[in-house]
C-alpha atoms as a PDB file:
ATOM      1  CA  UNK A   1      39.783  41.397 -38.759  1.00  0.00           C
ATOM      2  CA  UNK A   2      42.540  43.557 -40.334  1.00  0.00           C
ATOM      3  CA  UNK A   3      40.431  44.880 -43.083  1.00  0.00           C
ATOM      4  CA  UNK A   4      37.894  45.998 -40.512  1.00  0.00           C
ATOM      5  CA  UNK A   5      40.474  47.865 -38.541  1.00  0.00           C
ATOM      6  CA  UNK A   6      41.729  49.553 -41.659  1.00  0.00           C
ATOM      7  CA  UNK A   7      38.210  50.625 -42.554  1.00  0.00           C
ATOM      8  CA  UNK A   8      37.578  51.798 -38.971  1.00  0.00           C
ATOM      9  CA  UNK A   9      40.703  53.781 -39.017  1.00  0.00           C
ATOM     10  CA  UNK A  10      39.645  55.548 -42.519  1.00  0.00           C
ATOM     11  CA  UNK A  11      36.130  56.369 -40.920  1.00  0.00           C
ATOM     12  CA  UNK A  12      37.300  59.083 -38.193  1.00  0.00           C
ATOM     13  CA  UNK A  13      33.840  60.124 -37.171  1.00  0.00           C
ATOM     14  CA  UNK A  14      32.847  56.410 -36.263  1.00  0.00           C
ATOM     15  CA  UNK A  15      36.461  56.028 -34.500  1.00  0.00           C
ATOM     16  CA  UNK A  16      35.497  59.084 -32.573  1.00  0.00           C
ATOM     17  CA  UNK A  17      32.301  57.732 -31.583  1.00  0.00           C
ATOM     18  CA  UNK A  18      33.815  54.766 -30.160  1.00  0.00           C
ATOM     19  CA  UNK A  19      36.806  56.301 -28.349  1.00  0.00           C
ATOM     20  CA  UNK A  20      35.435  59.608 -26.946  1.00  0.00           C
ATOM     21  CA  UNK A  21      31.578  58.824 -26.752  1.00  0.00           C
ATOM     22  CA  UNK A  22      30.020  56.354 -24.256  1.00  0.00           C
ATOM     23  CA  UNK A  23      26.329  56.291 -25.654  1.00  0.00           C
ATOM     24  CA  UNK A  24      26.883  53.513 -28.130  1.00  0.00           C
ATOM     25  CA  UNK A  25      27.637  49.767 -27.422  1.00  0.00           C
ATOM     26  CA  UNK A  26      31.207  49.965 -28.950  1.00  0.00           C
ATOM     27  CA  UNK A  27      31.892  53.242 -27.003  1.00  0.00           C
ATOM     28  CA  UNK A  28      30.761  51.399 -23.548  1.00  0.00           C
ATOM     29  CA  UNK A  29      32.883  48.311 -24.422  1.00  0.00           C
ATOM     30  CA  UNK A  30      35.844  50.653 -25.247  1.00  0.00           C
ATOM     31  CA  UNK A  31      35.449  52.478 -21.960  1.00  0.00           C
ATOM     32  CA  UNK A  32      35.135  49.035 -20.029  1.00  0.00           C
ATOM     33  CA  UNK A  33      38.432  47.788 -21.618  1.00  0.00           C
ATOM     34  CA  UNK A  34      40.077  50.981 -20.657  1.00  0.00           C
ATOM     35  CA  UNK A  35      39.053  50.772 -17.233  1.00  0.00           C
ATOM     36  CA  UNK A  36      40.219  47.274 -16.850  1.00  0.00           C
ATOM     37  CA  UNK A  37      43.790  48.133 -18.227  1.00  0.00           C
ATOM     38  CA  UNK A  38      43.816  50.907 -15.785  1.00  0.00           C
ATOM     39  CA  UNK A  39      43.088  48.531 -12.822  1.00  0.00           C
ATOM     40  CA  UNK A  40      45.423  45.817 -14.042  1.00  0.00           C
ATOM     41  CA  UNK A  41      48.234  48.543 -14.575  1.00  0.00           C
ATOM     42  CA  UNK A  42      47.748  49.835 -10.852  1.00  0.00           C
ATOM     43  CA  UNK A  43      47.865  46.207  -9.551  1.00  0.00           C
ATOM     44  CA  UNK A  44      51.095  45.436 -11.428  1.00  0.00           C
ATOM     45  CA  UNK A  45      52.784  48.716 -10.299  1.00  0.00           C
ATOM     46  CA  UNK A  46      51.951  47.824  -6.560  1.00  0.00           C
ATOM     47  CA  UNK A  47      53.064  44.275  -6.998  1.00  0.00           C
ATOM     48  CA  UNK A  48      56.386  45.357  -8.693  1.00  0.00           C
ATOM     49  CA  UNK A  49      57.034  47.681  -5.855  1.00  0.00           C
ATOM     50  CA  UNK A  50      57.408  44.597  -3.290  1.00  0.00           C
ATOM     51  CA  UNK A  51      60.799  43.444  -2.606  1.00  0.00           C
ATOM     52  CA  UNK A  52      59.981  39.735  -2.681  1.00  0.00           C
ATOM     53  CA  UNK A  53      58.904  39.721  -6.458  1.00  0.00           C
ATOM     54  CA  UNK A  54      61.464  37.861  -8.595  1.00  0.00           C
ATOM     55  CA  UNK A  55      62.039  35.186 -11.054  1.00  0.00           C
ATOM     56  CA  UNK A  56      58.945  33.947 -13.373  1.00  0.00           C
ATOM     57  CA  UNK A  57      56.587  36.462 -11.433  1.00  0.00           C
ATOM     58  CA  UNK A  58      58.923  39.481 -12.203  1.00  0.00           C
ATOM     59  CA  UNK A  59      59.085  38.134 -16.004  1.00  0.00           C
ATOM     60  CA  UNK A  60      55.370  38.007 -16.214  1.00  0.00           C
ATOM     61  CA  UNK A  61      54.760  41.225 -14.738  1.00  0.00           C
ATOM     62  CA  UNK A  62      57.165  42.720 -17.261  1.00  0.00           C
ATOM     63  CA  UNK A  63      55.128  41.017 -20.030  1.00  0.00           C
ATOM     64  CA  UNK A  64      51.956  42.429 -18.699  1.00  0.00           C
ATOM     65  CA  UNK A  65      53.557  45.937 -18.306  1.00  0.00           C
ATOM     66  CA  UNK A  66      54.695  45.697 -22.093  1.00  0.00           C
ATOM     67  CA  UNK A  67      51.213  44.854 -23.258  1.00  0.00           C
ATOM     68  CA  UNK A  68      49.858  47.543 -21.128  1.00  0.00           C
ATOM     69  CA  UNK A  69      52.424  50.264 -22.506  1.00  0.00           C
ATOM     70  CA  UNK A  70      51.672  49.165 -26.129  1.00  0.00           C
ATOM     71  CA  UNK A  71      47.748  49.519 -25.490  1.00  0.00           C
ATOM     72  CA  UNK A  72      47.981  52.755 -23.915  1.00  0.00           C
ATOM     73  CA  UNK A  73      50.273  54.230 -26.393  1.00  0.00           C
ATOM     74  CA  UNK A  74      47.795  52.785 -29.271  1.00  0.00           C
ATOM     75  CA  UNK A  75      45.002  54.594 -27.144  1.00  0.00           C
ATOM     76  CA  UNK A  76      46.722  57.782 -27.039  1.00  0.00           C
ATOM     77  CA  UNK A  77      47.641  57.784 -30.642  1.00  0.00           C
ATOM     78  CA  UNK A  78      44.081  57.022 -31.597  1.00  0.00           C
ATOM     79  CA  UNK A  79      42.705  59.653 -29.695  1.00  0.00           C
ATOM     80  CA  UNK A  80      45.093  62.170 -31.179  1.00  0.00           C
ATOM     81  CA  UNK A  81      44.271  60.754 -34.710  1.00  0.00           C
ATOM     82  CA  UNK A  82      40.639  61.020 -34.611  1.00  0.00           C
ATOM     83  CA  UNK A  83      40.464  64.253 -32.486  1.00  0.00           C
ATOM     84  CA  UNK A  84      39.096  67.099 -34.778  1.00  0.00           C
ATOM     85  CA  UNK A  85      41.355  69.687 -33.065  1.00  0.00           C
ATOM     86  CA  UNK A  86      44.614  67.605 -32.261  1.00  0.00           C
ATOM     87  CA  UNK A  87      46.221  70.540 -30.247  1.00  0.00           C
ATOM     88  CA  UNK A  88      43.343  70.948 -27.993  1.00  0.00           C
ATOM     89  CA  UNK A  89      42.961  67.333 -27.090  1.00  0.00           C
ATOM     90  CA  UNK A  90      46.893  67.171 -26.421  1.00  0.00           C
ATOM     91  CA  UNK A  91      47.017  70.068 -24.211  1.00  0.00           C
ATOM     92  CA  UNK A  92      43.602  69.195 -22.327  1.00  0.00           C
ATOM     93  CA  UNK A  93      43.584  67.962 -18.877  1.00  0.00           C
ATOM     94  CA  UNK A  94      42.870  64.337 -19.864  1.00  0.00           C
ATOM     95  CA  UNK A  95      45.059  64.752 -22.898  1.00  0.00           C
ATOM     96  CA  UNK A  96      48.007  65.376 -20.618  1.00  0.00           C
ATOM     97  CA  UNK A  97      47.156  62.590 -18.169  1.00  0.00           C
ATOM     98  CA  UNK A  98      46.852  60.276 -21.097  1.00  0.00           C
ATOM     99  CA  UNK A  99      50.411  61.335 -22.100  1.00  0.00           C
ATOM    100  CA  UNK A 100      51.773  61.028 -18.535  1.00  0.00           C
ATOM    101  CA  UNK A 101      50.206  57.526 -18.508  1.00  0.00           C
ATOM    102  CA  UNK A 102      52.169  56.277 -21.608  1.00  0.00           C
ATOM    103  CA  UNK A 103      55.543  57.999 -21.584  1.00  0.00           C
ATOM    104  CA  UNK A 104      57.265  56.404 -18.422  1.00  0.00           C
ATOM    105  CA  UNK A 105      58.257  53.015 -19.928  1.00  0.00           C
ATOM    106  CA  UNK A 106      59.836  54.984 -22.939  1.00  0.00           C
ATOM    107  CA  UNK A 107      61.978  57.006 -20.330  1.00  0.00           C
ATOM    108  CA  UNK A 108      63.250  53.833 -19.019  1.00  0.00           C
ATOM    109  CA  UNK A 109      64.263  52.830 -22.364  1.00  0.00           C
ATOM    110  CA  UNK A 110      66.152  56.205 -22.993  1.00  0.00           C
ATOM    111  CA  UNK A 111      67.765  55.914 -19.768  1.00  0.00           C
ATOM    112  CA  UNK A 112      69.207  52.487 -19.215  1.00  0.00           C
ATOM    113  CA  UNK A 113      70.685  53.403 -15.808  1.00  0.00           C
ATOM    114  CA  UNK A 114      67.054  53.603 -14.467  1.00  0.00           C
ATOM    115  CA  UNK A 115      67.593  49.847 -13.966  1.00  0.00           C
ATOM    116  CA  UNK A 116      70.174  50.560 -11.377  1.00  0.00           C
ATOM    117  CA  UNK A 117      69.635  54.128 -10.125  1.00  0.00           C
ATOM    118  CA  UNK A 118      66.718  54.785  -7.922  1.00  0.00           C
ATOM    119  CA  UNK A 119      66.185  58.500  -9.136  1.00  0.00           C
ATOM    120  CA  UNK A 120      65.507  57.171 -12.659  1.00  0.00           C
ATOM    121  CA  UNK A 121      63.612  54.107 -11.578  1.00  0.00           C
ATOM    122  CA  UNK A 122      61.196  56.590 -10.102  1.00  0.00           C
ATOM    123  CA  UNK A 123      60.064  57.342 -13.705  1.00  0.00           C
ATOM    124  CA  UNK A 124      58.198  53.951 -13.927  1.00  0.00           C
ATOM    125  CA  UNK A 125      55.936  54.793 -11.019  1.00  0.00           C
ATOM    126  CA  UNK A 126      54.515  58.027 -12.708  1.00  0.00           C
ATOM    127  CA  UNK A 127      52.213  55.305 -14.044  1.00  0.00           C
ATOM    128  CA  UNK A 128      50.101  56.183 -11.200  1.00  0.00           C
ATOM    129  CA  UNK A 129      48.605  59.022 -13.166  1.00  0.00           C
ATOM    130  CA  UNK A 130      46.775  56.511 -15.091  1.00  0.00           C
ATOM    131  CA  UNK A 131      44.257  56.350 -12.287  1.00  0.00           C
ATOM    132  CA  UNK A 132      43.398  59.898 -13.143  1.00  0.00           C
ATOM    133  CA  UNK A 133      41.940  58.760 -16.504  1.00  0.00           C
ATOM    134  CA  UNK A 134      39.184  57.153 -14.352  1.00  0.00           C
ATOM    135  CA  UNK A 135      37.633  60.548 -14.069  1.00  0.00           C
ATOM    136  CA  UNK A 136      36.688  60.661 -17.592  1.00  0.00           C
ATOM    137  CA  UNK A 137      34.394  57.624 -16.964  1.00  0.00           C
ATOM    138  CA  UNK A 138      32.788  59.155 -13.831  1.00  0.00           C
ATOM    139  CA  UNK A 139      29.693  61.508 -14.326  1.00  0.00           C
ATOM    140  CA  UNK A 140      30.102  63.130 -11.309  1.00  0.00           C
ATOM    141  CA  UNK A 141      33.906  63.877 -12.180  1.00  0.00           C
ATOM    142  CA  UNK A 142      32.739  66.580 -14.631  1.00  0.00           C
ATOM    143  CA  UNK A 143      30.640  68.382 -11.984  1.00  0.00           C
ATOM    144  CA  UNK A 144      33.534  68.251  -9.633  1.00  0.00           C
ATOM    145  CA  UNK A 145      36.148  69.471 -12.073  1.00  0.00           C
ATOM    146  CA  UNK A 146      33.992  72.358 -13.377  1.00  0.00           C
ATOM    147  CA  UNK A 147      33.123  73.443  -9.832  1.00  0.00           C
ATOM    148  CA  UNK A 148      36.977  73.647  -9.045  1.00  0.00           C
ATOM    149  CA  UNK A 149      37.674  75.420 -12.340  1.00  0.00           C
ATOM    150  CA  UNK A 150      34.903  77.952 -11.610  1.00  0.00           C
ATOM    151  CA  UNK A 151      36.088  78.497  -7.926  1.00  0.00           C
ATOM    152  CA  UNK A 152      39.632  78.920  -8.776  1.00  0.00           C
ATOM    153  CA  UNK A 153      39.721  82.643  -8.787  1.00  0.00           C
ATOM    154  CA  UNK A 154      37.950  82.742  -5.357  1.00  0.00           C
ATOM    155  CA  UNK A 155      40.207  80.151  -3.930  1.00  0.00           C
ATOM    156  CA  UNK A 156      43.520  81.790  -5.161  1.00  0.00           C
ATOM    157  CA  UNK A 157      42.254  85.301  -3.487  1.00  0.00           C
ATOM    158  CA  UNK A 158      41.535  83.274  -0.391  1.00  0.00           C
ATOM    159  CA  UNK A 159      44.960  81.588  -0.384  1.00  0.00           C
ATOM    160  CA  UNK A 160      46.513  85.093  -0.859  1.00  0.00           C
ATOM    161  CA  UNK A 161      44.801  86.266   2.237  1.00  0.00           C
ATOM    162  CA  UNK A 162      46.014  83.089   4.076  1.00  0.00           C
ATOM    163  CA  UNK A 163      49.764  83.941   3.322  1.00  0.00           C
ATOM    164  CA  UNK A 164      49.291  87.451   4.183  1.00  0.00           C
ATOM    165  CA  UNK A 165      47.533  86.266   7.528  1.00  0.00           C
ATOM    166  CA  UNK A 166      50.413  83.680   8.241  1.00  0.00           C
ATOM    167  CA  UNK A 167      53.110  86.372   7.677  1.00  0.00           C
ATOM    168  CA  UNK A 168      51.412  88.741   9.991  1.00  0.00           C
ATOM    169  CA  UNK A 169      50.984  85.974  12.831  1.00  0.00           C
ATOM    170  CA  UNK A 170      54.580  84.822  12.221  1.00  0.00           C
ATOM    171  CA  UNK A 171      55.792  88.402  12.684  1.00  0.00           C
ATOM    172  CA  UNK A 172      53.691  88.647  15.846  1.00  0.00           C
ATOM    173  CA  UNK A 173      54.977  85.622  17.299  1.00  0.00           C
ATOM    174  CA  UNK A 174      58.794  86.742  16.430  1.00  0.00           C
ATOM    175  CA  UNK A 175      58.099  89.800  18.168  1.00  0.00           C
ATOM    176  CA  UNK A 176      56.657  88.142  21.442  1.00  0.00           C
ATOM    177  CA  UNK A 177      59.094  85.108  21.531  1.00  0.00           C
ATOM    178  CA  UNK A 178      62.355  86.432  19.837  1.00  0.00           C
ATOM    179  CA  UNK A 179      63.791  87.862  22.795  1.00  0.00           C
ATOM    180  CA  UNK A 180      63.563  84.609  24.908  1.00  0.00           C
ATOM    181  CA  UNK A 181      66.618  82.720  25.101  1.00  0.00           C
ATOM    182  CA  UNK A 182      64.680  79.484  25.638  1.00  0.00           C
ATOM    183  CA  UNK A 183      62.619  80.080  22.535  1.00  0.00           C
ATOM    184  CA  UNK A 184      62.916  78.478  19.234  1.00  0.00           C
ATOM    185  CA  UNK A 185      61.682  81.479  17.374  1.00  0.00           C
ATOM    186  CA  UNK A 186      65.031  82.843  16.242  1.00  0.00           C
ATOM    187  CA  UNK A 187      64.072  84.549  13.122  1.00  0.00           C
ATOM    188  CA  UNK A 188      61.086  85.621  10.860  1.00  0.00           C
ATOM    189  CA  UNK A 189      61.119  82.365   8.375  1.00  0.00           C
ATOM    190  CA  UNK A 190      61.009  79.985  11.283  1.00  0.00           C
ATOM    191  CA  UNK A 191      58.101  81.919  12.802  1.00  0.00           C
ATOM    192  CA  UNK A 192      56.278  81.897   9.736  1.00  0.00           C
ATOM    193  CA  UNK A 193      56.689  78.266   9.198  1.00  0.00           C
ATOM    194  CA  UNK A 194      55.323  77.743  12.757  1.00  0.00           C
ATOM    195  CA  UNK A 195      52.248  79.972  11.621  1.00  0.00           C
ATOM    196  CA  UNK A 196      51.683  77.763   8.664  1.00  0.00           C
ATOM    197  CA  UNK A 197      51.999  74.532  10.707  1.00  0.00           C
ATOM    198  CA  UNK A 198      49.614  75.535  13.504  1.00  0.00           C
ATOM    199  CA  UNK A 199      47.046  77.281  11.202  1.00  0.00           C
ATOM    200  CA  UNK A 200      46.718  74.116   9.042  1.00  0.00           C
ATOM    201  CA  UNK A 201      46.147  72.097  12.328  1.00  0.00           C
ATOM    202  CA  UNK A 202      49.212  69.698  11.324  1.00  0.00           C
ATOM    203  CA  UNK A 203      51.049  70.751  14.686  1.00  0.00           C
ATOM    204  CA  UNK A 204      54.410  69.148  14.281  1.00  0.00           C
ATOM    205  CA  UNK A 205      55.425  70.459  17.753  1.00  0.00           C
ATOM    206  CA  UNK A 206      58.922  70.879  16.660  1.00  0.00           C
ATOM    207  CA  UNK A 207      58.559  74.632  17.763  1.00  0.00           C
ATOM    208  CA  UNK A 208      56.318  75.757  20.637  1.00  0.00           C
ATOM    209  CA  UNK A 209      56.233  79.141  22.416  1.00  0.00           C
ATOM    210  CA  UNK A 210      57.475  79.617  25.846  1.00  0.00           C
ATOM    211  CA  UNK A 211      56.058  83.084  26.998  1.00  0.00           C
ATOM    212  CA  UNK A 212      52.374  83.692  28.187  1.00  0.00           C
ATOM    213  CA  UNK A 213      51.719  86.000  25.459  1.00  0.00           C
ATOM    214  CA  UNK A 214      53.082  83.652  22.849  1.00  0.00           C
ATOM    215  CA  UNK A 215      50.892  80.586  24.145  1.00  0.00           C
ATOM    216  CA  UNK A 216      47.790  83.048  24.067  1.00  0.00           C
ATOM    217  CA  UNK A 217      48.523  84.002  20.332  1.00  0.00           C
ATOM    218  CA  UNK A 218      49.095  80.332  19.609  1.00  0.00           C
ATOM    219  CA  UNK A 219      45.876  79.249  21.158  1.00  0.00           C
ATOM    220  CA  UNK A 220      44.056  81.937  18.834  1.00  0.00           C
ATOM    221  CA  UNK A 221      45.813  80.655  15.827  1.00  0.00           C
ATOM    222  CA  UNK A 222      44.655  77.108  16.719  1.00  0.00           C
ATOM    223  CA  UNK A 223      41.092  77.970  17.013  1.00  0.00           C
ATOM    224  CA  UNK A 224      41.398  80.073  13.669  1.00  0.00           C
ATOM    225  CA  UNK A 225      42.827  77.268  11.907  1.00  0.00           C
ATOM    226  CA  UNK A 226      39.427  75.195  12.093  1.00  0.00           C
ATOM    227  CA  UNK A 227      37.597  78.220  10.354  1.00  0.00           C
ATOM    228  CA  UNK A 228      40.429  78.500   7.769  1.00  0.00           C
ATOM    229  CA  UNK A 229      40.450  75.200   6.408  1.00  0.00           C
ATOM    230  CA  UNK A 230      36.695  75.149   5.969  1.00  0.00           C
ATOM    231  CA  UNK A 231      36.484  77.991   3.602  1.00  0.00           C
ATOM    232  CA  UNK A 232      37.627  76.460   0.424  1.00  0.00           C
ATOM    233  CA  UNK A 233      35.406  73.492   0.938  1.00  0.00           C
ATOM    234  CA  UNK A 234      32.493  75.864   1.239  1.00  0.00           C
ATOM    235  CA  UNK A 235      33.466  77.753  -1.995  1.00  0.00           C
ATOM    236  CA  UNK A 236      33.532  74.811  -4.057  1.00  0.00           C
ATOM    237  CA  UNK A 237      30.455  73.222  -2.478  1.00  0.00           C
ATOM    238  CA  UNK A 238      28.391  76.441  -3.268  1.00  0.00           C
ATOM    239  CA  UNK A 239      29.638  76.333  -6.824  1.00  0.00           C
ATOM    240  CA  UNK A 240      28.669  72.658  -7.248  1.00  0.00           C
ATOM    241  CA  UNK A 241      25.063  73.395  -5.964  1.00  0.00           C
ATOM    242  CA  UNK A 242      24.933  76.465  -8.319  1.00  0.00           C
ATOM    243  CA  UNK A 243      25.937  74.126 -11.345  1.00  0.00           C
ATOM    244  CA  UNK A 244      23.416  71.577 -10.678  1.00  0.00           C
ATOM    245  CA  UNK A 245      20.662  74.225 -10.965  1.00  0.00           C
ATOM    246  CA  UNK A 246      21.966  75.609 -14.178  1.00  0.00           C
ATOM    247  CA  UNK A 247      19.998  74.968 -17.557  1.00  0.00           C
ATOM    248  CA  UNK A 248      20.946  74.287 -21.015  1.00  0.00           C
ATOM    249  CA  UNK A 249      22.526  77.337 -22.440  1.00  0.00           C
ATOM    250  CA  UNK A 250      23.636  77.597 -26.165  1.00  0.00           C
ATOM    251  CA  UNK A 251      23.078  74.158 -26.720  1.00  0.00           C
ATOM    252  CA  UNK A 252      25.782  73.144 -24.127  1.00  0.00           C
ATOM    253  CA  UNK A 253      25.546  70.814 -21.245  1.00  0.00           C
ATOM    254  CA  UNK A 254      25.817  72.963 -18.064  1.00  0.00           C
ATOM    255  CA  UNK A 255      27.981  70.243 -16.350  1.00  0.00           C
ATOM    256  CA  UNK A 256      30.200  69.132 -18.859  1.00  0.00           C
ATOM    257  CA  UNK A 257      29.975  71.773 -21.561  1.00  0.00           C
ATOM    258  CA  UNK A 258      29.377  69.200 -24.131  1.00  0.00           C
ATOM    259  CA  UNK A 259      27.037  69.715 -27.180  1.00  0.00           C
ATOM    260  CA  UNK A 260      23.539  68.520 -26.706  1.00  0.00           C
ATOM    261  CA  UNK A 261      20.275  68.510 -28.791  1.00  0.00           C
ATOM    262  CA  UNK A 262      17.179  70.159 -27.938  1.00  0.00           C
ATOM    263  CA  UNK A 263      15.324  66.876 -27.796  1.00  0.00           C
ATOM    264  CA  UNK A 264      17.977  65.281 -25.484  1.00  0.00           C
ATOM    265  CA  UNK A 265      16.648  64.581 -21.927  1.00  0.00           C
ATOM    266  CA  UNK A 266      20.151  63.667 -20.668  1.00  0.00           C
ATOM    267  CA  UNK A 267      23.549  64.687 -21.824  1.00  0.00           C
ATOM    268  CA  UNK A 268      25.370  62.019 -23.761  1.00  0.00           C
ATOM    269  CA  UNK A 269      28.778  63.157 -22.601  1.00  0.00           C
ATOM    270  CA  UNK A 270      28.300  63.011 -18.871  1.00  0.00           C
ATOM    271  CA  UNK A 271      24.865  61.559 -18.066  1.00  0.00           C
ATOM    272  CA  UNK A 272      23.330  65.020 -16.645  1.00  0.00           C
ATOM    273  CA  UNK A 273      19.633  65.379 -16.567  1.00  0.00           C
ATOM    274  CA  UNK A 274      18.745  68.323 -18.704  1.00  0.00           C
END
């Protein structure tokens, strides 16, 4: 067993196929093992947060978490070891998620006070980032992430427009309501805060207009809010539709960007039909 492990570590291409690919029996088994580990880790995390956990149950959970910490640490190091470009993997989305999924238990070791101080104890619950690793095993995850990436410029321009809009609306509301002694619109920041809360349809109700013109403007902002929220969804949805219609270009999958061969009917990385 030990000799096979050493032999596997020396064979980086084969190790890469197992760890990063899912089109081989060994790769599928490894993916299933990682998914099970993530699921168990989340269950342990939620059970640990219950105040009633104590005694042998707490000890068992700590042992399980120790084993999971070892597994995720080994997985991260192996991925880093067999990656052709280690820096690209370490700085990639899933590389950062892998790191965040591994580091919290070691932070607790470096800060013993975490056992007593709530602020440090929160480090342990950063383990929830492990759930993002599930995206690497979901075919549609590649489509969603790529759609968001391609739409990011349009979304940023849209949010800039929204910020300008809420500043203008907040200023108008301050002009209409600021002179009333009964109004809570005492300054521009408060008025802009109200515009954000109202336009996003959150509606806390902690600040409300008291004048007729102010209420009319508030009604217009509420109606406008429904159209404002729908725009980012439409941008990403349109990009997703365009991505599904793209053909193979330069030997790369249009969905995940992985390398494919001319004779391939499906992408070996994400399962996209070519």
